[in-house]
Amino acid sequence: VEMNDINIELAEILEVELVSDSDNLEEFDLWDSLALLSIAAFIDANYNIQIGTDDFENIKTLVQIKELVKSKKC
């Protein structure tokens, strides 16, 4: 699974055309706890990495989600 798949999945979750790595996720109308759980489930299913909601506390951008995934892969 490519890291760009996270962009595609997050765009679907947020019901937007495109999410770029530097977008502020809090600016999306649908960025809420359900979106958070959905992206965490996607990461678990596709990367076999469990991410808790506390891991998202300081996450503001998609690139930070990708960095979190990379850090958990090791």
PDB file of N, CA and C in Angstrom:
ATOM      1  N   VAL A   1       0.860  -1.190   0.000  1.00  0.00           N
ATOM      2  CA  VAL A   1       0.000   0.000   0.000  1.00  0.00           C
ATOM      3  C   VAL A   1       0.893   1.237   0.000  1.00  0.00           C
ATOM      4  N   GLU A   2       0.620   2.112  -0.911  1.00  0.00           N
ATOM      5  CA  GLU A   2       1.402   3.337  -1.046  1.00  0.00           C
ATOM      6  C   GLU A   2       0.914   4.396  -0.055  1.00  0.00           C
ATOM      7  N   MET A   3       1.809   5.311   0.311  1.00  0.00           N
ATOM      8  CA  MET A   3       1.424   6.400   1.199  1.00  0.00           C
ATOM      9  C   MET A   3       0.392   7.316   0.541  1.00  0.00           C
ATOM     10  N   ASN A   4       0.403   7.409  -0.797  1.00  0.00           N
ATOM     11  CA  ASN A   4      -0.582   8.250  -1.473  1.00  0.00           C
ATOM     12  C   ASN A   4      -1.990   7.692  -1.317  1.00  0.00           C
ATOM     13  N   ASP A   5      -2.107   6.399  -1.000  1.00  0.00           N
ATOM     14  CA  ASP A   5      -3.421   5.826  -0.743  1.00  0.00           C
ATOM     15  C   ASP A   5      -4.076   6.487   0.465  1.00  0.00           C
ATOM     16  N   ILE A   6      -3.261   6.960   1.398  1.00  0.00           N
ATOM     17  CA  ILE A   6      -3.807   7.676   2.555  1.00  0.00           C
ATOM     18  C   ILE A   6      -4.479   8.964   2.081  1.00  0.00           C
ATOM     19  N   ASN A   7      -3.859   9.661   1.116  1.00  0.00           N
ATOM     20  CA  ASN A   7      -4.463  10.883   0.565  1.00  0.00           C
ATOM     21  C   ASN A   7      -5.836  10.574  -0.028  1.00  0.00           C
ATOM     22  N   ILE A   8      -5.902   9.512  -0.813  1.00  0.00           N
ATOM     23  CA  ILE A   8      -7.150   9.144  -1.492  1.00  0.00           C
ATOM     24  C   ILE A   8      -8.220   8.772  -0.473  1.00  0.00           C
ATOM     25  N   GLU A   9      -7.844   7.939   0.489  1.00  0.00           N
ATOM     26  CA  GLU A   9      -8.802   7.505   1.511  1.00  0.00           C
ATOM     27  C   GLU A   9      -9.291   8.690   2.345  1.00  0.00           C
ATOM     28  N   LEU A  10      -8.382   9.569   2.746  1.00  0.00           N
ATOM     29  CA  LEU A  10      -8.777  10.712   3.564  1.00  0.00           C
ATOM     30  C   LEU A  10      -9.690  11.651   2.781  1.00  0.00           C
ATOM     31  N   ALA A  11      -9.414  11.830   1.513  1.00  0.00           N
ATOM     32  CA  ALA A  11     -10.296  12.660   0.673  1.00  0.00           C
ATOM     33  C   ALA A  11     -11.698  12.056   0.628  1.00  0.00           C
ATOM     34  N   GLU A  12     -11.779  10.729   0.528  1.00  0.00           N
ATOM     35  CA  GLU A  12     -13.092  10.065   0.530  1.00  0.00           C
ATOM     36  C   GLU A  12     -13.792  10.246   1.870  1.00  0.00           C
ATOM     37  N   ILE A  13     -13.054  10.071   2.950  1.00  0.00           N
ATOM     38  CA  ILE A  13     -13.628  10.228   4.290  1.00  0.00           C
ATOM     39  C   ILE A  13     -14.149  11.655   4.484  1.00  0.00           C
ATOM     40  N   LEU A  14     -13.380  12.624   4.018  1.00  0.00           N
ATOM     41  CA  LEU A  14     -13.752  14.035   4.194  1.00  0.00           C
ATOM     42  C   LEU A  14     -14.696  14.535   3.110  1.00  0.00           C
ATOM     43  N   GLU A  15     -15.000  13.648   2.153  1.00  0.00           N
ATOM     44  CA  GLU A  15     -15.905  13.965   1.049  1.00  0.00           C
ATOM     45  C   GLU A  15     -15.455  15.201   0.274  1.00  0.00           C
ATOM     46  N   VAL A  16     -14.153  15.220  -0.045  1.00  0.00           N
ATOM     47  CA  VAL A  16     -13.575  16.279  -0.871  1.00  0.00           C
ATOM     48  C   VAL A  16     -12.841  15.633  -2.032  1.00  0.00           C
ATOM     49  N   GLU A  17     -12.502  16.452  -3.009  1.00  0.00           N
ATOM     50  CA  GLU A  17     -11.836  15.943  -4.201  1.00  0.00           C
ATOM     51  C   GLU A  17     -10.386  15.544  -3.911  1.00  0.00           C
ATOM     52  N   LEU A  18      -9.711  16.352  -3.117  1.00  0.00           N
ATOM     53  CA  LEU A  18      -8.275  16.177  -2.922  1.00  0.00           C
ATOM     54  C   LEU A  18      -7.857  16.676  -1.548  1.00  0.00           C
ATOM     55  N   VAL A  19      -6.930  15.965  -0.927  1.00  0.00           N
ATOM     56  CA  VAL A  19      -6.319  16.411   0.319  1.00  0.00           C
ATOM     57  C   VAL A  19      -4.818  16.398   0.079  1.00  0.00           C
ATOM     58  N   SER A  20      -4.185  17.541   0.265  1.00  0.00           N
ATOM     59  CA  SER A  20      -2.731  17.586   0.089  1.00  0.00           C
ATOM     60  C   SER A  20      -2.050  17.429   1.440  1.00  0.00           C
ATOM     61  N   ASP A  21      -0.785  17.063   1.397  1.00  0.00           N
ATOM     62  CA  ASP A  21      -0.037  16.781   2.624  1.00  0.00           C
ATOM     63  C   ASP A  21      -0.022  17.947   3.598  1.00  0.00           C
ATOM     64  N   SER A  22      -0.063  19.168   3.090  1.00  0.00           N
ATOM     65  CA  SER A  22       0.079  20.342   3.958  1.00  0.00           C
ATOM     66  C   SER A  22      -1.244  20.966   4.384  1.00  0.00           C
ATOM     67  N   ASP A  23      -2.372  20.426   3.914  1.00  0.00           N
ATOM     68  CA  ASP A  23      -3.675  20.972   4.316  1.00  0.00           C
ATOM     69  C   ASP A  23      -3.865  20.865   5.822  1.00  0.00           C
ATOM     70  N   ASN A  24      -4.446  21.915   6.414  1.00  0.00           N
ATOM     71  CA  ASN A  24      -4.813  21.868   7.824  1.00  0.00           C
ATOM     72  C   ASN A  24      -6.102  21.063   7.938  1.00  0.00           C
ATOM     73  N   LEU A  25      -6.021  19.889   8.530  1.00  0.00           N
ATOM     74  CA  LEU A  25      -7.167  18.980   8.577  1.00  0.00           C
ATOM     75  C   LEU A  25      -8.345  19.568   9.348  1.00  0.00           C
ATOM     76  N   GLU A  26      -8.069  20.411  10.332  1.00  0.00           N
ATOM     77  CA  GLU A  26      -9.138  21.006  11.128  1.00  0.00           C
ATOM     78  C   GLU A  26     -10.003  21.967  10.310  1.00  0.00           C
ATOM     79  N   GLU A  27      -9.528  22.375   9.144  1.00  0.00           N
ATOM     80  CA  GLU A  27     -10.299  23.286   8.302  1.00  0.00           C
ATOM     81  C   GLU A  27     -11.351  22.566   7.470  1.00  0.00           C
ATOM     82  N   PHE A  28     -11.304  21.235   7.428  1.00  0.00           N
ATOM     83  CA  PHE A  28     -12.304  20.465   6.695  1.00  0.00           C
ATOM     84  C   PHE A  28     -13.550  20.303   7.564  1.00  0.00           C
ATOM     85  N   ASP A  29     -14.715  20.527   6.960  1.00  0.00           N
ATOM     86  CA  ASP A  29     -15.976  20.432   7.700  1.00  0.00           C
ATOM     87  C   ASP A  29     -16.179  19.056   8.323  1.00  0.00           C
ATOM     88  N   LEU A  30     -15.744  18.011   7.645  1.00  0.00           N
ATOM     89  CA  LEU A  30     -15.993  16.652   8.125  1.00  0.00           C
ATOM     90  C   LEU A  30     -14.837  16.063   8.953  1.00  0.00           C
ATOM     91  N   TRP A  31     -13.826  16.881   9.303  1.00  0.00           N
ATOM     92  CA  TRP A  31     -12.746  16.380  10.158  1.00  0.00           C
ATOM     93  C   TRP A  31     -13.258  16.385  11.589  1.00  0.00           C
ATOM     94  N   ASP A  32     -13.617  15.205  12.065  1.00  0.00           N
ATOM     95  CA  ASP A  32     -14.156  15.045  13.407  1.00  0.00           C
ATOM     96  C   ASP A  32     -13.718  13.689  13.951  1.00  0.00           C
ATOM     97  N   SER A  33     -14.285  13.303  15.063  1.00  0.00           N
ATOM     98  CA  SER A  33     -13.868  12.039  15.680  1.00  0.00           C
ATOM     99  C   SER A  33     -14.182  10.840  14.781  1.00  0.00           C
ATOM    100  N   LEU A  34     -15.260  10.912  14.021  1.00  0.00           N
ATOM    101  CA  LEU A  34     -15.587   9.818  13.113  1.00  0.00           C
ATOM    102  C   LEU A  34     -14.552   9.714  11.987  1.00  0.00           C
ATOM    103  N   ALA A  35     -14.128  10.844  11.446  1.00  0.00           N
ATOM    104  CA  ALA A  35     -13.085  10.846  10.411  1.00  0.00           C
ATOM    105  C   ALA A  35     -11.788  10.279  10.980  1.00  0.00           C
ATOM    106  N   LEU A  36     -11.487  10.656  12.196  1.00  0.00           N
ATOM    107  CA  LEU A  36     -10.291  10.169  12.879  1.00  0.00           C
ATOM    108  C   LEU A  36     -10.333   8.646  13.025  1.00  0.00           C
ATOM    109  N   LEU A  37     -11.459   8.131  13.475  1.00  0.00           N
ATOM    110  CA  LEU A  37     -11.599   6.682  13.622  1.00  0.00           C
ATOM    111  C   LEU A  37     -11.529   5.984  12.270  1.00  0.00           C
ATOM    112  N   SER A  38     -12.096   6.601  11.252  1.00  0.00           N
ATOM    113  CA  SER A  38     -12.075   6.010   9.914  1.00  0.00           C
ATOM    114  C   SER A  38     -10.655   5.915   9.363  1.00  0.00           C
ATOM    115  N   ILE A  39      -9.866   6.970   9.530  1.00  0.00           N
ATOM    116  CA  ILE A  39      -8.491   6.939   9.011  1.00  0.00           C
ATOM    117  C   ILE A  39      -7.650   5.974   9.851  1.00  0.00           C
ATOM    118  N   ALA A  40      -7.912   5.896  11.153  1.00  0.00           N
ATOM    119  CA  ALA A  40      -7.192   4.940  12.002  1.00  0.00           C
ATOM    120  C   ALA A  40      -7.515   3.505  11.570  1.00  0.00           C
ATOM    121  N   ALA A  41      -8.783   3.238  11.243  1.00  0.00           N
ATOM    122  CA  ALA A  41      -9.189   1.896  10.780  1.00  0.00           C
ATOM    123  C   ALA A  41      -8.546   1.581   9.435  1.00  0.00           C
ATOM    124  N   PHE A  42      -8.476   2.567   8.544  1.00  0.00           N
ATOM    125  CA  PHE A  42      -7.828   2.378   7.246  1.00  0.00           C
ATOM    126  C   PHE A  42      -6.352   2.030   7.430  1.00  0.00           C
ATOM    127  N   ILE A  43      -5.675   2.749   8.311  1.00  0.00           N
ATOM    128  CA  ILE A  43      -4.247   2.508   8.559  1.00  0.00           C
ATOM    129  C   ILE A  43      -4.055   1.116   9.156  1.00  0.00           C
ATOM    130  N   ASP A  44      -4.927   0.736  10.070  1.00  0.00           N
ATOM    131  CA  ASP A  44      -4.850  -0.600  10.664  1.00  0.00           C
ATOM    132  C   ASP A  44      -5.040  -1.678   9.603  1.00  0.00           C
ATOM    133  N   ALA A  45      -6.049  -1.507   8.757  1.00  0.00           N
ATOM    134  CA  ALA A  45      -6.370  -2.511   7.740  1.00  0.00           C
ATOM    135  C   ALA A  45      -5.307  -2.617   6.654  1.00  0.00           C
ATOM    136  N   ASN A  46      -4.692  -1.496   6.288  1.00  0.00           N
ATOM    137  CA  ASN A  46      -3.769  -1.484   5.155  1.00  0.00           C
ATOM    138  C   ASN A  46      -2.295  -1.543   5.531  1.00  0.00           C
ATOM    139  N   TYR A  47      -1.966  -1.120   6.740  1.00  0.00           N
ATOM    140  CA  TYR A  47      -0.561  -1.102   7.162  1.00  0.00           C
ATOM    141  C   TYR A  47      -0.330  -1.980   8.390  1.00  0.00           C
ATOM    142  N   ASN A  48      -1.413  -2.543   8.955  1.00  0.00           N
ATOM    143  CA  ASN A  48      -1.334  -3.361  10.159  1.00  0.00           C
ATOM    144  C   ASN A  48      -0.675  -2.597  11.313  1.00  0.00           C
ATOM    145  N   ILE A  49      -1.071  -1.336  11.436  1.00  0.00           N
ATOM    146  CA  ILE A  49      -0.550  -0.460  12.486  1.00  0.00           C
ATOM    147  C   ILE A  49      -1.744   0.082  13.269  1.00  0.00           C
ATOM    148  N   GLN A  50      -1.719  -0.115  14.582  1.00  0.00           N
ATOM    149  CA  GLN A  50      -2.789   0.404  15.425  1.00  0.00           C
ATOM    150  C   GLN A  50      -2.416   1.811  15.898  1.00  0.00           C
ATOM    151  N   ILE A  51      -3.321   2.737  15.624  1.00  0.00           N
ATOM    152  CA  ILE A  51      -3.125   4.122  16.048  1.00  0.00           C
ATOM    153  C   ILE A  51      -4.311   4.503  16.912  1.00  0.00           C
ATOM    154  N   GLY A  52      -4.008   4.976  18.108  1.00  0.00           N
ATOM    155  CA  GLY A  52      -5.075   5.396  19.017  1.00  0.00           C
ATOM    156  C   GLY A  52      -5.407   6.864  18.820  1.00  0.00           C
ATOM    157  N   THR A  53      -6.555   7.258  19.344  1.00  0.00           N
ATOM    158  CA  THR A  53      -6.960   8.655  19.185  1.00  0.00           C
ATOM    159  C   THR A  53      -5.970   9.599  19.863  1.00  0.00           C
ATOM    160  N   ASP A  54      -5.306   9.127  20.925  1.00  0.00           N
ATOM    161  CA  ASP A  54      -4.307   9.973  21.583  1.00  0.00           C
ATOM    162  C   ASP A  54      -3.120  10.256  20.663  1.00  0.00           C
ATOM    163  N   ASP A  55      -2.861   9.359  19.701  1.00  0.00           N
ATOM    164  CA  ASP A  55      -1.783   9.588  18.732  1.00  0.00           C
ATOM    165  C   ASP A  55      -2.094  10.782  17.827  1.00  0.00           C
ATOM    166  N   PHE A  56      -3.372  11.102  17.699  1.00  0.00           N
ATOM    167  CA  PHE A  56      -3.791  12.187  16.808  1.00  0.00           C
ATOM    168  C   PHE A  56      -3.848  13.544  17.507  1.00  0.00           C
ATOM    169  N   GLU A  57      -3.544  13.589  18.786  1.00  0.00           N
ATOM    170  CA  GLU A  57      -3.694  14.823  19.567  1.00  0.00           C
ATOM    171  C   GLU A  57      -3.041  16.039  18.925  1.00  0.00           C
ATOM    172  N   ASN A  58      -1.816  15.891  18.451  1.00  0.00           N
ATOM    173  CA  ASN A  58      -1.074  17.029  17.907  1.00  0.00           C
ATOM    174  C   ASN A  58      -0.997  17.024  16.384  1.00  0.00           C
ATOM    175  N   ILE A  59      -1.803  16.192  15.756  1.00  0.00           N
ATOM    176  CA  ILE A  59      -1.758  16.081  14.293  1.00  0.00           C
ATOM    177  C   ILE A  59      -2.643  17.146  13.664  1.00  0.00           C
ATOM    178  N   LYS A  60      -2.053  17.906  12.773  1.00  0.00           N
ATOM    179  CA  LYS A  60      -2.785  18.980  12.098  1.00  0.00           C
ATOM    180  C   LYS A  60      -2.817  18.788  10.579  1.00  0.00           C
ATOM    181  N   THR A  61      -1.869  18.000  10.042  1.00  0.00           N
ATOM    182  CA  THR A  61      -1.758  17.853   8.590  1.00  0.00           C
ATOM    183  C   THR A  61      -1.635  16.382   8.209  1.00  0.00           C
ATOM    184  N   LEU A  62      -1.871  16.122   6.949  1.00  0.00           N
ATOM    185  CA  LEU A  62      -1.753  14.758   6.426  1.00  0.00           C
ATOM    186  C   LEU A  62      -0.307  14.269   6.480  1.00  0.00           C
ATOM    187  N   VAL A  63       0.639  15.148   6.256  1.00  0.00           N
ATOM    188  CA  VAL A  63       2.043  14.727   6.324  1.00  0.00           C
ATOM    189  C   VAL A  63       2.386  14.236   7.735  1.00  0.00           C
ATOM    190  N   GLN A  64       1.760  14.815   8.740  1.00  0.00           N
ATOM    191  CA  GLN A  64       1.994  14.355  10.113  1.00  0.00           C
ATOM    192  C   GLN A  64       1.400  12.957  10.328  1.00  0.00           C
ATOM    193  N   ILE A  65       0.273  12.671   9.684  1.00  0.00           N
ATOM    194  CA  ILE A  65      -0.296  11.315   9.758  1.00  0.00           C
ATOM    195  C   ILE A  65       0.672  10.331   9.115  1.00  0.00           C
ATOM    196  N   LYS A  66       1.213  10.695   7.966  1.00  0.00           N
ATOM    197  CA  LYS A  66       2.162   9.817   7.265  1.00  0.00           C
ATOM    198  C   LYS A  66       3.421   9.597   8.109  1.00  0.00           C
ATOM    199  N   GLU A  67       3.907  10.652   8.759  1.00  0.00           N
ATOM    200  CA  GLU A  67       5.089  10.520   9.615  1.00  0.00           C
ATOM    201  C   GLU A  67       4.774   9.597  10.792  1.00  0.00           C
ATOM    202  N   LEU A  68       3.570   9.688  11.322  1.00  0.00           N
ATOM    203  CA  LEU A  68       3.150   8.807  12.421  1.00  0.00           C
ATOM    204  C   LEU A  68       3.142   7.354  11.960  1.00  0.00           C
ATOM    205  N   VAL A  69       2.602   7.103  10.769  1.00  0.00           N
ATOM    206  CA  VAL A  69       2.575   5.741  10.216  1.00  0.00           C
ATOM    207  C   VAL A  69       3.997   5.222  10.042  1.00  0.00           C
ATOM    208  N   LYS A  70       4.861   6.056   9.464  1.00  0.00           N
ATOM    209  CA  LYS A  70       6.262   5.636   9.250  1.00  0.00           C
ATOM    210  C   LYS A  70       6.943   5.338  10.577  1.00  0.00           C
ATOM    211  N   SER A  71       6.697   6.144  11.603  1.00  0.00           N
ATOM    212  CA  SER A  71       7.337   5.937  12.899  1.00  0.00           C
ATOM    213  C   SER A  71       6.841   4.656  13.572  1.00  0.00           C
ATOM    214  N   LYS A  72       5.601   4.287  13.326  1.00  0.00           N
ATOM    215  CA  LYS A  72       5.034   3.076  13.932  1.00  0.00           C
ATOM    216  C   LYS A  72       5.449   1.818  13.165  1.00  0.00           C
ATOM    217  N   LYS A  73       5.859   1.977  11.909  1.00  0.00           N
ATOM    218  CA  LYS A  73       6.270   0.818  11.091  1.00  0.00           C
ATOM    219  C   LYS A  73       7.572   0.212  11.587  1.00  0.00           C
ATOM    220  N   CYS A  74       8.406   1.029  12.188  1.00  0.00           N
ATOM    221  CA  CYS A  74       9.741   0.564  12.600  1.00  0.00           C
ATOM    222  C   CYS A  74       9.669  -0.338  13.810  1.00  0.00           C
TER     223      CYS A  74
END
